[in-house]
Full PDB file with SEQRES, HELIX, SHEET, SSBOND, CRYST1, ORIGX, SCALE, CONECT and MASTER records, all heavy atoms in Angstrom:
SEQRES   1 A   42  ILE LEU CYS ALA MET ASP VAL LEU LYS PRO GLU GLN VAL          
SEQRES   2 A   42  ASP GLY TRP TYR MET ALA GLY GLU LEU SER LEU THR GLY          
SEQRES   3 A   42  GLU LEU LYS PRO VAL PRO GLY VAL LEU PRO LEU ALA MET          
SEQRES   4 A   42  ALA ALA ARG                                                  
HELIX    1 AA1 PRO A   10  VAL A   13  1                                   4    
HELIX    2 AA2 VAL A   34  ALA A   41  1                                   8    
SHEET    1 AA1 2 GLU A  21  LEU A  22  0                                        
SHEET    2 AA1 2 LEU A  28  LYS A  29 -1                                        
CRYST1    1.000    1.000    1.000  90.00  90.00  90.00 P 1           1          
ORIGX1      1.000000  0.000000  0.000000        0.00000                         
ORIGX2      0.000000  1.000000  0.000000        0.00000                         
ORIGX3      0.000000  0.000000  1.000000        0.00000                         
SCALE1      1.000000  0.000000  0.000000        0.00000                         
SCALE2      0.000000  1.000000  0.000000        0.00000                         
SCALE3      0.000000  0.000000  1.000000        0.00000                         
ATOM      1  N   ILE A   1     -67.296-101.139  50.092  1.00  0.00           N  
ATOM      2  CA  ILE A   1     -68.617-101.719  49.863  1.00  0.00           C  
ATOM      3  C   ILE A   1     -69.604-101.192  50.894  1.00  0.00           C  
ATOM      4  O   ILE A   1     -70.745-100.824  50.560  1.00  0.00           O  
ATOM      5  CB  ILE A   1     -68.530-103.254  49.896  1.00  0.00           C  
ATOM      6  CG1 ILE A   1     -67.746-103.770  48.677  1.00  0.00           C  
ATOM      7  CG2 ILE A   1     -69.928-103.870  49.937  1.00  0.00           C  
ATOM      8  CD1 ILE A   1     -67.484-105.265  48.696  1.00  0.00           C  
ATOM      9  N   LEU A   2     -69.202-101.130  52.161  1.00  0.00           N  
ATOM     10  CA  LEU A   2     -70.093-100.623  53.211  1.00  0.00           C  
ATOM     11  C   LEU A   2     -70.422 -99.149  52.989  1.00  0.00           C  
ATOM     12  O   LEU A   2     -71.553 -98.705  53.258  1.00  0.00           O  
ATOM     13  CB  LEU A   2     -69.441-100.815  54.584  1.00  0.00           C  
ATOM     14  CG  LEU A   2     -69.306-102.266  55.063  1.00  0.00           C  
ATOM     15  CD1 LEU A   2     -68.551-102.311  56.385  1.00  0.00           C  
ATOM     16  CD2 LEU A   2     -70.678-102.921  55.209  1.00  0.00           C  
ATOM     17  N   CYS A   3     -69.460 -98.396  52.498  1.00  0.00           N  
ATOM     18  CA  CYS A   3     -69.711 -96.985  52.213  1.00  0.00           C  
ATOM     19  C   CYS A   3     -70.666 -96.839  51.026  1.00  0.00           C  
ATOM     20  O   CYS A   3     -71.569 -95.991  51.033  1.00  0.00           O  
ATOM     21  CB  CYS A   3     -68.399 -96.275  51.935  1.00  0.00           C  
ATOM     22  SG  CYS A   3     -68.508 -94.468  51.905  1.00  0.00           S  
ATOM     23  N   ALA A   4     -70.481 -97.682  50.011  1.00  0.00           N  
ATOM     24  CA  ALA A   4     -71.375 -97.639  48.851  1.00  0.00           C  
ATOM     25  C   ALA A   4     -72.786 -98.086  49.213  1.00  0.00           C  
ATOM     26  O   ALA A   4     -73.755 -97.655  48.591  1.00  0.00           O  
ATOM     27  CB  ALA A   4     -70.804 -98.522  47.743  1.00  0.00           C  
ATOM     28  N   MET A   5     -72.897 -98.953  50.256  1.00  0.00           N  
ATOM     29  CA  MET A   5     -74.204 -99.400  50.742  1.00  0.00           C  
ATOM     30  C   MET A   5     -74.834 -98.378  51.677  1.00  0.00           C  
ATOM     31  O   MET A   5     -75.940 -98.587  52.176  1.00  0.00           O  
ATOM     32  CB  MET A   5     -74.051-100.739  51.479  1.00  0.00           C  
ATOM     33  CG  MET A   5     -73.722-101.912  50.580  1.00  0.00           C  
ATOM     34  SD  MET A   5     -73.206-103.363  51.551  1.00  0.00           S  
ATOM     35  CE  MET A   5     -74.557-103.515  52.742  1.00  0.00           C  
ATOM     36  N   ASP A   6     -74.146 -97.291  51.958  1.00  0.00           N  
ATOM     37  CA  ASP A   6     -74.597 -96.223  52.850  1.00  0.00           C  
ATOM     38  C   ASP A   6     -74.576 -96.625  54.314  1.00  0.00           C  
ATOM     39  O   ASP A   6     -75.201 -95.965  55.149  1.00  0.00           O  
ATOM     40  CB  ASP A   6     -76.004 -95.744  52.463  1.00  0.00           C  
ATOM     41  CG  ASP A   6     -76.222 -94.277  52.824  1.00  0.00           C  
ATOM     42  OD1 ASP A   6     -75.216 -93.530  52.858  1.00  0.00           O  
ATOM     43  OD2 ASP A   6     -77.371 -93.898  53.103  1.00  0.00           O  
ATOM     44  N   VAL A   7     -73.843 -97.694  54.655  1.00  0.00           N  
ATOM     45  CA  VAL A   7     -73.628 -98.027  56.070  1.00  0.00           C  
ATOM     46  C   VAL A   7     -72.680 -97.010  56.683  1.00  0.00           C  
ATOM     47  O   VAL A   7     -72.839 -96.584  57.841  1.00  0.00           O  
ATOM     48  CB  VAL A   7     -73.064 -99.455  56.209  1.00  0.00           C  
ATOM     49  CG1 VAL A   7     -72.712 -99.757  57.670  1.00  0.00           C  
ATOM     50  CG2 VAL A   7     -74.065-100.473  55.679  1.00  0.00           C  
ATOM     51  N   LEU A   8     -71.685 -96.593  55.932  1.00  0.00           N  
ATOM     52  CA  LEU A   8     -70.745 -95.546  56.325  1.00  0.00           C  
ATOM     53  C   LEU A   8     -70.941 -94.335  55.415  1.00  0.00           C  
ATOM     54  O   LEU A   8     -71.259 -94.485  54.231  1.00  0.00           O  
ATOM     55  CB  LEU A   8     -69.300 -96.038  56.209  1.00  0.00           C  
ATOM     56  CG  LEU A   8     -68.846 -97.139  57.152  1.00  0.00           C  
ATOM     57  CD1 LEU A   8     -67.488 -97.688  56.709  1.00  0.00           C  
ATOM     58  CD2 LEU A   8     -68.763 -96.616  58.586  1.00  0.00           C  
ATOM     59  N   LYS A   9     -70.748 -93.149  55.966  1.00  0.00           N  
ATOM     60  CA  LYS A   9     -70.850 -91.926  55.190  1.00  0.00           C  
ATOM     61  C   LYS A   9     -69.482 -91.582  54.584  1.00  0.00           C  
ATOM     62  O   LYS A   9     -68.436 -91.903  55.171  1.00  0.00           O  
ATOM     63  CB  LYS A   9     -71.328 -90.772  56.065  1.00  0.00           C  
ATOM     64  CG  LYS A   9     -72.665 -91.028  56.738  1.00  0.00           C  
ATOM     65  CD  LYS A   9     -73.773 -91.226  55.707  1.00  0.00           C  
ATOM     66  CE  LYS A   9     -75.114 -91.446  56.394  1.00  0.00           C  
ATOM     67  NZ  LYS A   9     -76.192 -91.739  55.391  1.00  0.00           N  
ATOM     68  N   PRO A  10     -69.465 -90.927  53.438  1.00  0.00           N  
ATOM     69  CA  PRO A  10     -68.180 -90.582  52.807  1.00  0.00           C  
ATOM     70  C   PRO A  10     -67.268 -89.776  53.722  1.00  0.00           C  
ATOM     71  O   PRO A  10     -66.052 -89.986  53.741  1.00  0.00           O  
ATOM     72  CB  PRO A  10     -68.603 -89.775  51.575  1.00  0.00           C  
ATOM     73  CG  PRO A  10     -69.968 -90.276  51.251  1.00  0.00           C  
ATOM     74  CD  PRO A  10     -70.612 -90.593  52.573  1.00  0.00           C  
ATOM     75  N   GLU A  11     -67.847 -88.855  54.501  1.00  0.00           N  
ATOM     76  CA  GLU A  11     -67.009 -88.038  55.381  1.00  0.00           C  
ATOM     77  C   GLU A  11     -66.383 -88.844  56.508  1.00  0.00           C  
ATOM     78  O   GLU A  11     -65.396 -88.415  57.121  1.00  0.00           O  
ATOM     79  CB  GLU A  11     -67.823 -86.873  55.957  1.00  0.00           C  
ATOM     80  CG  GLU A  11     -69.041 -87.280  56.759  1.00  0.00           C  
ATOM     81  CD  GLU A  11     -70.297 -87.399  55.905  1.00  0.00           C  
ATOM     82  OE1 GLU A  11     -70.159 -87.490  54.657  1.00  0.00           O  
ATOM     83  OE2 GLU A  11     -71.392 -87.386  56.469  1.00  0.00           O  
ATOM     84  N   GLN A  12     -66.965 -90.027  56.821  1.00  0.00           N  
ATOM     85  CA  GLN A  12     -66.420 -90.861  57.895  1.00  0.00           C  
ATOM     86  C   GLN A  12     -65.165 -91.625  57.462  1.00  0.00           C  
ATOM     87  O   GLN A  12     -64.374 -92.054  58.307  1.00  0.00           O  
ATOM     88  CB  GLN A  12     -67.492 -91.835  58.396  1.00  0.00           C  
ATOM     89  CG  GLN A  12     -68.636 -91.138  59.118  1.00  0.00           C  
ATOM     90  CD  GLN A  12     -69.784 -92.067  59.417  1.00  0.00           C  
ATOM     91  OE1 GLN A  12     -70.055 -93.013  58.653  1.00  0.00           O  
ATOM     92  NE2 GLN A  12     -70.485 -91.828  60.518  1.00  0.00           N  
ATOM     93  N   VAL A  13     -64.993 -91.831  56.172  1.00  0.00           N  
ATOM     94  CA  VAL A  13     -63.811 -92.550  55.680  1.00  0.00           C  
ATOM     95  C   VAL A  13     -62.845 -91.630  54.951  1.00  0.00           C  
ATOM     96  O   VAL A  13     -61.714 -92.027  54.662  1.00  0.00           O  
ATOM     97  CB  VAL A  13     -64.237 -93.703  54.738  1.00  0.00           C  
ATOM     98  CG1 VAL A  13     -65.076 -94.727  55.469  1.00  0.00           C  
ATOM     99  CG2 VAL A  13     -64.992 -93.173  53.517  1.00  0.00           C  
ATOM    100  N   ASP A  14     -63.281 -90.412  54.669  1.00  0.00           N  
ATOM    101  CA  ASP A  14     -62.441 -89.502  53.906  1.00  0.00           C  
ATOM    102  C   ASP A  14     -61.163 -89.176  54.676  1.00  0.00           C  
ATOM    103  O   ASP A  14     -61.199 -88.822  55.865  1.00  0.00           O  
ATOM    104  CB  ASP A  14     -63.207 -88.208  53.611  1.00  0.00           C  
ATOM    105  CG  ASP A  14     -62.422 -87.287  52.697  1.00  0.00           C  
ATOM    106  OD1 ASP A  14     -61.854 -87.782  51.715  1.00  0.00           O  
ATOM    107  OD2 ASP A  14     -62.375 -86.077  52.994  1.00  0.00           O  
ATOM    108  N   GLY A  15     -60.023 -89.282  54.009  1.00  0.00           N  
ATOM    109  CA  GLY A  15     -58.740 -88.936  54.605  1.00  0.00           C  
ATOM    110  C   GLY A  15     -58.036 -90.077  55.311  1.00  0.00           C  
ATOM    111  O   GLY A  15     -56.851 -89.959  55.636  1.00  0.00           O  
ATOM    112  N   TRP A  16     -58.743 -91.157  55.584  1.00  0.00           N  
ATOM    113  CA  TRP A  16     -58.120 -92.318  56.230  1.00  0.00           C  
ATOM    114  C   TRP A  16     -57.493 -93.224  55.168  1.00  0.00           C  
ATOM    115  O   TRP A  16     -58.104 -93.520  54.144  1.00  0.00           O  
ATOM    116  CB  TRP A  16     -59.156 -93.127  57.016  1.00  0.00           C  
ATOM    117  CG  TRP A  16     -59.616 -92.478  58.292  1.00  0.00           C  
ATOM    118  CD1 TRP A  16     -60.754 -91.761  58.476  1.00  0.00           C  
ATOM    119  CD2 TRP A  16     -58.939 -92.497  59.546  1.00  0.00           C  
ATOM    120  NE1 TRP A  16     -60.847 -91.321  59.773  1.00  0.00           N  
ATOM    121  CE2 TRP A  16     -59.738 -91.763  60.455  1.00  0.00           C  
ATOM    122  CE3 TRP A  16     -57.746 -93.046  60.002  1.00  0.00           C  
ATOM    123  CZ2 TRP A  16     -59.385 -91.565  61.780  1.00  0.00           C  
ATOM    124  CZ3 TRP A  16     -57.387 -92.858  61.319  1.00  0.00           C  
ATOM    125  CH2 TRP A  16     -58.191 -92.131  62.198  1.00  0.00           C  
ATOM    126  N   TYR A  17     -56.280 -93.668  55.423  1.00  0.00           N  
ATOM    127  CA  TYR A  17     -55.632 -94.664  54.568  1.00  0.00           C  
ATOM    128  C   TYR A  17     -55.818 -96.032  55.225  1.00  0.00           C  
ATOM    129  O   TYR A  17     -55.622 -96.175  56.440  1.00  0.00           O  
ATOM    130  CB  TYR A  17     -54.145 -94.369  54.423  1.00  0.00           C  
ATOM    131  CG  TYR A  17     -53.822 -93.261  53.452  1.00  0.00           C  
ATOM    132  CD1 TYR A  17     -54.214 -91.947  53.698  1.00  0.00           C  
ATOM    133  CD2 TYR A  17     -53.113 -93.525  52.276  1.00  0.00           C  
ATOM    134  CE1 TYR A  17     -53.915 -90.926  52.810  1.00  0.00           C  
ATOM    135  CE2 TYR A  17     -52.805 -92.509  51.383  1.00  0.00           C  
ATOM    136  CZ  TYR A  17     -53.215 -91.209  51.654  1.00  0.00           C  
ATOM    137  OH  TYR A  17     -52.912 -90.200  50.769  1.00  0.00           O  
ATOM    138  N   MET A  18     -56.187 -97.022  54.427  1.00  0.00           N  
ATOM    139  CA  MET A  18     -56.521 -98.346  54.963  1.00  0.00           C  
ATOM    140  C   MET A  18     -55.587 -99.424  54.397  1.00  0.00           C  
ATOM    141  O   MET A  18     -55.167 -99.355  53.240  1.00  0.00           O  
ATOM    142  CB  MET A  18     -57.965 -98.734  54.599  1.00  0.00           C  
ATOM    143  CG  MET A  18     -58.969 -97.616  54.689  1.00  0.00           C  
ATOM    144  SD  MET A  18     -59.476 -97.311  56.374  1.00  0.00           S  
ATOM    145  CE  MET A  18     -60.812 -96.118  56.099  1.00  0.00           C  
ATOM    146  N   ALA A  19     -55.320-100.437  55.204  1.00  0.00           N  
ATOM    147  CA  ALA A  19     -54.593-101.625  54.739  1.00  0.00           C  
ATOM    148  C   ALA A  19     -54.852-102.749  55.722  1.00  0.00           C  
ATOM    149  O   ALA A  19     -54.867-102.532  56.940  1.00  0.00           O  
ATOM    150  CB  ALA A  19     -53.094-101.350  54.631  1.00  0.00           C  
ATOM    151  N   GLY A  20     -55.050-103.946  55.197  1.00  0.00           N  
ATOM    152  CA  GLY A  20     -55.252-105.094  56.081  1.00  0.00           C  
ATOM    153  C   GLY A  20     -55.858-106.276  55.347  1.00  0.00           C  
ATOM    154  O   GLY A  20     -56.667-106.103  54.432  1.00  0.00           O  
ATOM    155  N   GLU A  21     -55.442-107.449  55.740  1.00  0.00           N  
ATOM    156  CA  GLU A  21     -56.011-108.678  55.196  1.00  0.00           C  
ATOM    157  C   GLU A  21     -57.126-109.165  56.128  1.00  0.00           C  
ATOM    158  O   GLU A  21     -56.996-109.095  57.356  1.00  0.00           O  
ATOM    159  CB  GLU A  21     -54.945-109.757  55.071  1.00  0.00           C  
ATOM    160  CG  GLU A  21     -55.478-111.097  54.567  1.00  0.00           C  
ATOM    161  CD  GLU A  21     -54.406-112.170  54.516  1.00  0.00           C  
ATOM    162  OE1 GLU A  21     -53.223-111.812  54.407  1.00  0.00           O  
ATOM    163  OE2 GLU A  21     -54.770-113.369  54.598  1.00  0.00           O  
ATOM    164  N   LEU A  22     -58.207-109.645  55.538  1.00  0.00           N  
ATOM    165  CA  LEU A  22     -59.341-110.129  56.316  1.00  0.00           C  
ATOM    166  C   LEU A  22     -59.392-111.650  56.295  1.00  0.00           C  
ATOM    167  O   LEU A  22     -59.220-112.277  55.241  1.00  0.00           O  
ATOM    168  CB  LEU A  22     -60.651-109.580  55.751  1.00  0.00           C  
ATOM    169  CG  LEU A  22     -60.935-108.090  55.992  1.00  0.00           C  
ATOM    170  CD1 LEU A  22     -62.147-107.653  55.184  1.00  0.00           C  
ATOM    171  CD2 LEU A  22     -61.152-107.817  57.471  1.00  0.00           C  
ATOM    172  N   SER A  23     -59.619-112.244  57.455  1.00  0.00           N  
ATOM    173  CA  SER A  23     -59.941-113.666  57.499  1.00  0.00           C  
ATOM    174  C   SER A  23     -61.423-113.818  57.194  1.00  0.00           C  
ATOM    175  O   SER A  23     -62.169-112.829  57.106  1.00  0.00           O  
ATOM    176  CB  SER A  23     -59.622-114.244  58.879  1.00  0.00           C  
ATOM    177  OG  SER A  23     -60.541-113.758  59.839  1.00  0.00           O  
ATOM    178  N   LEU A  24     -61.895-115.036  57.042  1.00  0.00           N  
ATOM    179  CA  LEU A  24     -63.308-115.253  56.740  1.00  0.00           C  
ATOM    180  C   LEU A  24     -64.202-114.822  57.885  1.00  0.00           C  
ATOM    181  O   LEU A  24     -65.396-114.559  57.698  1.00  0.00           O  
ATOM    182  CB  LEU A  24     -63.544-116.725  56.404  1.00  0.00           C  
ATOM    183  CG  LEU A  24     -62.778-117.268  55.188  1.00  0.00           C  
ATOM    184  CD1 LEU A  24     -63.189-118.704  54.884  1.00  0.00           C  
ATOM    185  CD2 LEU A  24     -62.992-116.384  53.959  1.00  0.00           C  
ATOM    186  N   THR A  25     -63.652-114.741  59.094  1.00  0.00           N  
ATOM    187  CA  THR A  25     -64.439-114.304  60.252  1.00  0.00           C  
ATOM    188  C   THR A  25     -64.420-112.795  60.430  1.00  0.00           C  
ATOM    189  O   THR A  25     -65.100-112.267  61.316  1.00  0.00           O  
ATOM    190  CB  THR A  25     -63.898-114.963  61.530  1.00  0.00           C  
ATOM    191  OG1 THR A  25     -62.542-114.523  61.746  1.00  0.00           O  
ATOM    192  CG2 THR A  25     -63.930-116.472  61.428  1.00  0.00           C  
ATOM    193  N   GLY A  26     -63.625-112.091  59.629  1.00  0.00           N  
ATOM    194  CA  GLY A  26     -63.526-110.647  59.754  1.00  0.00           C  
ATOM    195  C   GLY A  26     -62.335-110.184  60.568  1.00  0.00           C  
ATOM    196  O   GLY A  26     -62.118-108.968  60.737  1.00  0.00           O  
ATOM    197  N   GLU A  27     -61.537-111.118  61.082  1.00  0.00           N  
ATOM    198  CA  GLU A  27     -60.347-110.744  61.844  1.00  0.00           C  
ATOM    199  C   GLU A  27     -59.327-110.115  60.908  1.00  0.00           C  
ATOM    200  O   GLU A  27     -59.155-110.541  59.767  1.00  0.00           O  
ATOM    201  CB  GLU A  27     -59.759-111.982  62.514  1.00  0.00           C  
ATOM    202  CG  GLU A  27     -58.477-111.714  63.288  1.00  0.00           C  
ATOM    203  CD  GLU A  27     -57.823-112.988  63.782  1.00  0.00           C  
ATOM    204  OE1 GLU A  27     -58.378-114.078  63.538  1.00  0.00           O  
ATOM    205  OE2 GLU A  27     -56.735-112.891  64.387  1.00  0.00           O  
ATOM    206  N   LEU A  28     -58.643-109.090  61.419  1.00  0.00           N  
ATOM    207  CA  LEU A  28     -57.624-108.414  60.624  1.00  0.00           C  
ATOM    208  C   LEU A  28     -56.270-109.073  60.829  1.00  0.00           C  
ATOM    209  O   LEU A  28     -55.807-109.215  61.967  1.00  0.00           O  
ATOM    210  CB  LEU A  28     -57.541-106.935  61.012  1.00  0.00           C  
ATOM    211  CG  LEU A  28     -58.616-106.018  60.403  1.00  0.00           C  
ATOM    212  CD1 LEU A  28     -58.572-104.648  61.037  1.00  0.00           C  
ATOM    213  CD2 LEU A  28     -58.448-105.914  58.902  1.00  0.00           C  
ATOM    214  N   LYS A  29     -55.642-109.457  59.730  1.00  0.00           N  
ATOM    215  CA  LYS A  29     -54.332-110.102  59.774  1.00  0.00           C  
ATOM    216  C   LYS A  29     -53.265-109.135  59.277  1.00  0.00           C  
ATOM    217  O   LYS A  29     -53.533-108.309  58.400  1.00  0.00           O  
ATOM    218  CB  LYS A  29     -54.336-111.371  58.912  1.00  0.00           C  
ATOM    219  CG  LYS A  29     -55.293-112.437  59.417  1.00  0.00           C  
ATOM    220  CD  LYS A  29     -55.176-113.709  58.602  1.00  0.00           C  
ATOM    221  CE  LYS A  29     -56.038-114.822  59.183  1.00  0.00           C  
ATOM    222  NZ  LYS A  29     -55.915-116.085  58.415  1.00  0.00           N  
ATOM    223  N   PRO A  30     -52.045-109.247  59.822  1.00  0.00           N  
ATOM    224  CA  PRO A  30     -50.987-108.296  59.448  1.00  0.00           C  
ATOM    225  C   PRO A  30     -50.591-108.405  57.986  1.00  0.00           C  
ATOM    226  O   PRO A  30     -50.686-109.471  57.366  1.00  0.00           O  
ATOM    227  CB  PRO A  30     -49.831-108.675  60.375  1.00  0.00           C  
ATOM    228  CG  PRO A  30     -50.106-110.086  60.793  1.00  0.00           C  
ATOM    229  CD  PRO A  30     -51.591-110.222  60.830  1.00  0.00           C  
ATOM    230  N   VAL A  31     -50.125-107.289  57.453  1.00  0.00           N  
ATOM    231  CA  VAL A  31     -49.700-107.210  56.060  1.00  0.00           C  
ATOM    232  C   VAL A  31     -48.336-106.516  56.002  1.00  0.00           C  
ATOM    233  O   VAL A  31     -47.964-105.776  56.917  1.00  0.00           O  
ATOM    234  CB  VAL A  31     -50.716-106.435  55.204  1.00  0.00           C  
ATOM    235  CG1 VAL A  31     -52.024-107.187  55.083  1.00  0.00           C  
ATOM    236  CG2 VAL A  31     -50.957-105.037  55.787  1.00  0.00           C  
ATOM    237  N   PRO A  32     -47.566-106.747  54.940  1.00  0.00           N  
ATOM    238  CA  PRO A  32     -46.274-106.053  54.803  1.00  0.00           C  
ATOM    239  C   PRO A  32     -46.451-104.630  54.312  1.00  0.00           C  
ATOM    240  O   PRO A  32     -47.482-104.275  53.735  1.00  0.00           O  
ATOM    241  CB  PRO A  32     -45.531-106.916  53.773  1.00  0.00           C  
ATOM    242  CG  PRO A  32     -46.624-107.539  52.953  1.00  0.00           C  
ATOM    243  CD  PRO A  32     -47.768-107.762  53.894  1.00  0.00           C  
ATOM    244  N   GLY A  33     -45.422-103.807  54.555  1.00  0.00           N  
ATOM    245  CA  GLY A  33     -45.387-102.468  53.977  1.00  0.00           C  
ATOM    246  C   GLY A  33     -46.137-101.390  54.741  1.00  0.00           C  
ATOM    247  O   GLY A  33     -46.421-100.330  54.183  1.00  0.00           O  
ATOM    248  N   VAL A  34     -46.441-101.620  56.035  1.00  0.00           N  
ATOM    249  CA  VAL A  34     -47.199-100.617  56.792  1.00  0.00           C  
ATOM    250  C   VAL A  34     -46.366 -99.360  57.057  1.00  0.00           C  
ATOM    251  O   VAL A  34     -46.891 -98.243  57.030  1.00  0.00           O  
ATOM    252  CB  VAL A  34     -47.728-101.222  58.108  1.00  0.00           C  
ATOM    253  CG1 VAL A  34     -48.250-100.140  59.046  1.00  0.00           C  
ATOM    254  CG2 VAL A  34     -48.833-102.227  57.808  1.00  0.00           C  
ATOM    255  N   LEU A  35     -45.068 -99.518  57.307  1.00  0.00           N  
ATOM    256  CA  LEU A  35     -44.229 -98.337  57.555  1.00  0.00           C  
ATOM    257  C   LEU A  35     -44.195 -97.397  56.357  1.00  0.00           C  
ATOM    258  O   LEU A  35     -44.456 -96.191  56.513  1.00  0.00           O  
ATOM    259  CB  LEU A  35     -42.817 -98.772  57.956  1.00  0.00           C  
ATOM    260  CG  LEU A  35     -41.818 -97.637  58.213  1.00  0.00           C  
ATOM    261  CD1 LEU A  35     -42.305 -96.719  59.316  1.00  0.00           C  
ATOM    262  CD2 LEU A  35     -40.443 -98.194  58.542  1.00  0.00           C  
ATOM    263  N   PRO A  36     -43.902 -97.867  55.140  1.00  0.00           N  
ATOM    264  CA  PRO A  36     -43.970 -96.935  54.003  1.00  0.00           C  
ATOM    265  C   PRO A  36     -45.372 -96.401  53.756  1.00  0.00           C  
ATOM    266  O   PRO A  36     -45.532 -95.271  53.279  1.00  0.00           O  
ATOM    267  CB  PRO A  36     -43.459 -97.771  52.821  1.00  0.00           C  
ATOM    268  CG  PRO A  36     -43.466 -99.185  53.270  1.00  0.00           C  
ATOM    269  CD  PRO A  36     -43.324 -99.172  54.750  1.00  0.00           C  
ATOM    270  N   LEU A  37     -46.428 -97.195  54.097  1.00  0.00           N  
ATOM    271  CA  LEU A  37     -47.798 -96.699  53.971  1.00  0.00           C  
ATOM    272  C   LEU A  37     -48.017 -95.502  54.880  1.00  0.00           C  
ATOM    273  O   LEU A  37     -48.593 -94.475  54.473  1.00  0.00           O  
ATOM    274  CB  LEU A  37     -48.791 -97.814  54.316  1.00  0.00           C  
ATOM    275  CG  LEU A  37     -50.238 -97.374  54.574  1.00  0.00           C  
ATOM    276  CD1 LEU A  37     -50.844 -96.780  53.315  1.00  0.00           C  
ATOM    277  CD2 LEU A  37     -51.085 -98.535  55.083  1.00  0.00           C  
ATOM    278  N   ALA A  38     -47.549 -95.602  56.142  1.00  0.00           N  
ATOM    279  CA  ALA A  38     -47.704 -94.498  57.081  1.00  0.00           C  
ATOM    280  C   ALA A  38     -46.958 -93.259  56.604  1.00  0.00           C  
ATOM    281  O   ALA A  38     -47.448 -92.123  56.727  1.00  0.00           O  
ATOM    282  CB  ALA A  38     -47.215 -94.921  58.465  1.00  0.00           C  
ATOM    283  N   MET A  39     -45.775 -93.453  56.043  1.00  0.00           N  
ATOM    284  CA  MET A  39     -44.999 -92.315  55.546  1.00  0.00           C  
ATOM    285  C   MET A  39     -45.683 -91.678  54.341  1.00  0.00           C  
ATOM    286  O   MET A  39     -45.696 -90.449  54.196  1.00  0.00           O  
ATOM    287  CB  MET A  39     -43.586 -92.779  55.193  1.00  0.00           C  
ATOM    288  CG  MET A  39     -42.815 -93.323  56.388  1.00  0.00           C  
ATOM    289  SD  MET A  39     -41.181 -94.003  55.991  1.00  0.00           S  
ATOM    290  CE  MET A  39     -40.249 -92.497  55.757  1.00  0.00           C  
ATOM    291  N   ALA A  40     -46.291 -92.503  53.471  1.00  0.00           N  
ATOM    292  CA  ALA A  40     -47.010 -91.965  52.313  1.00  0.00           C  
ATOM    293  C   ALA A  40     -48.266 -91.225  52.759  1.00  0.00           C  
ATOM    294  O   ALA A  40     -48.610 -90.168  52.198  1.00  0.00           O  
ATOM    295  CB  ALA A  40     -47.384 -93.102  51.357  1.00  0.00           C  
ATOM    296  N   ALA A  41     -48.952 -91.744  53.778  1.00  0.00           N  
ATOM    297  CA  ALA A  41     -50.157 -91.081  54.278  1.00  0.00           C  
ATOM    298  C   ALA A  41     -49.817 -89.728  54.889  1.00  0.00           C  
ATOM    299  O   ALA A  41     -50.536 -88.742  54.700  1.00  0.00           O  
ATOM    300  CB  ALA A  41     -50.850 -91.970  55.305  1.00  0.00           C  
ATOM    301  N   ARG A  42     -48.716 -89.671  55.628  1.00  0.00           N  
ATOM    302  CA  ARG A  42     -48.317 -88.398  56.232  1.00  0.00           C  
ATOM    303  C   ARG A  42     -47.949 -87.375  55.163  1.00  0.00           C  
ATOM    304  O   ARG A  42     -48.386 -86.216  55.211  1.00  0.00           O  
ATOM    305  CB  ARG A  42     -47.140 -88.618  57.176  1.00  0.00           C  
ATOM    306  CG  ARG A  42     -46.693 -87.346  57.892  1.00  0.00           C  
ATOM    307  CD  ARG A  42     -45.523 -87.606  58.807  1.00  0.00           C  
ATOM    308  NE  ARG A  42     -44.326 -88.037  58.074  1.00  0.00           N  
ATOM    309  CZ  ARG A  42     -43.166 -88.323  58.655  1.00  0.00           C  
ATOM    310  NH1 ARG A  42     -43.048 -88.247  59.971  1.00  0.00           N  
ATOM    311  NH2 ARG A  42     -42.129 -88.702  57.920  1.00  0.00           N  
TER     312      ARG A  42                                                      
MASTER        0    0    0    2    2    0    0    6  311    1    0    4          
END                                                                             
């Protein structure tokens, strides 16, 4: 959404894999499956 709003540029997020749960305050909470995510990103 921030990228579509032009707060972030496409080249700034290109190539990054993202995962995370957000609380209502914006805090990032842990999620399952990060190890296979890292292996898939590599």
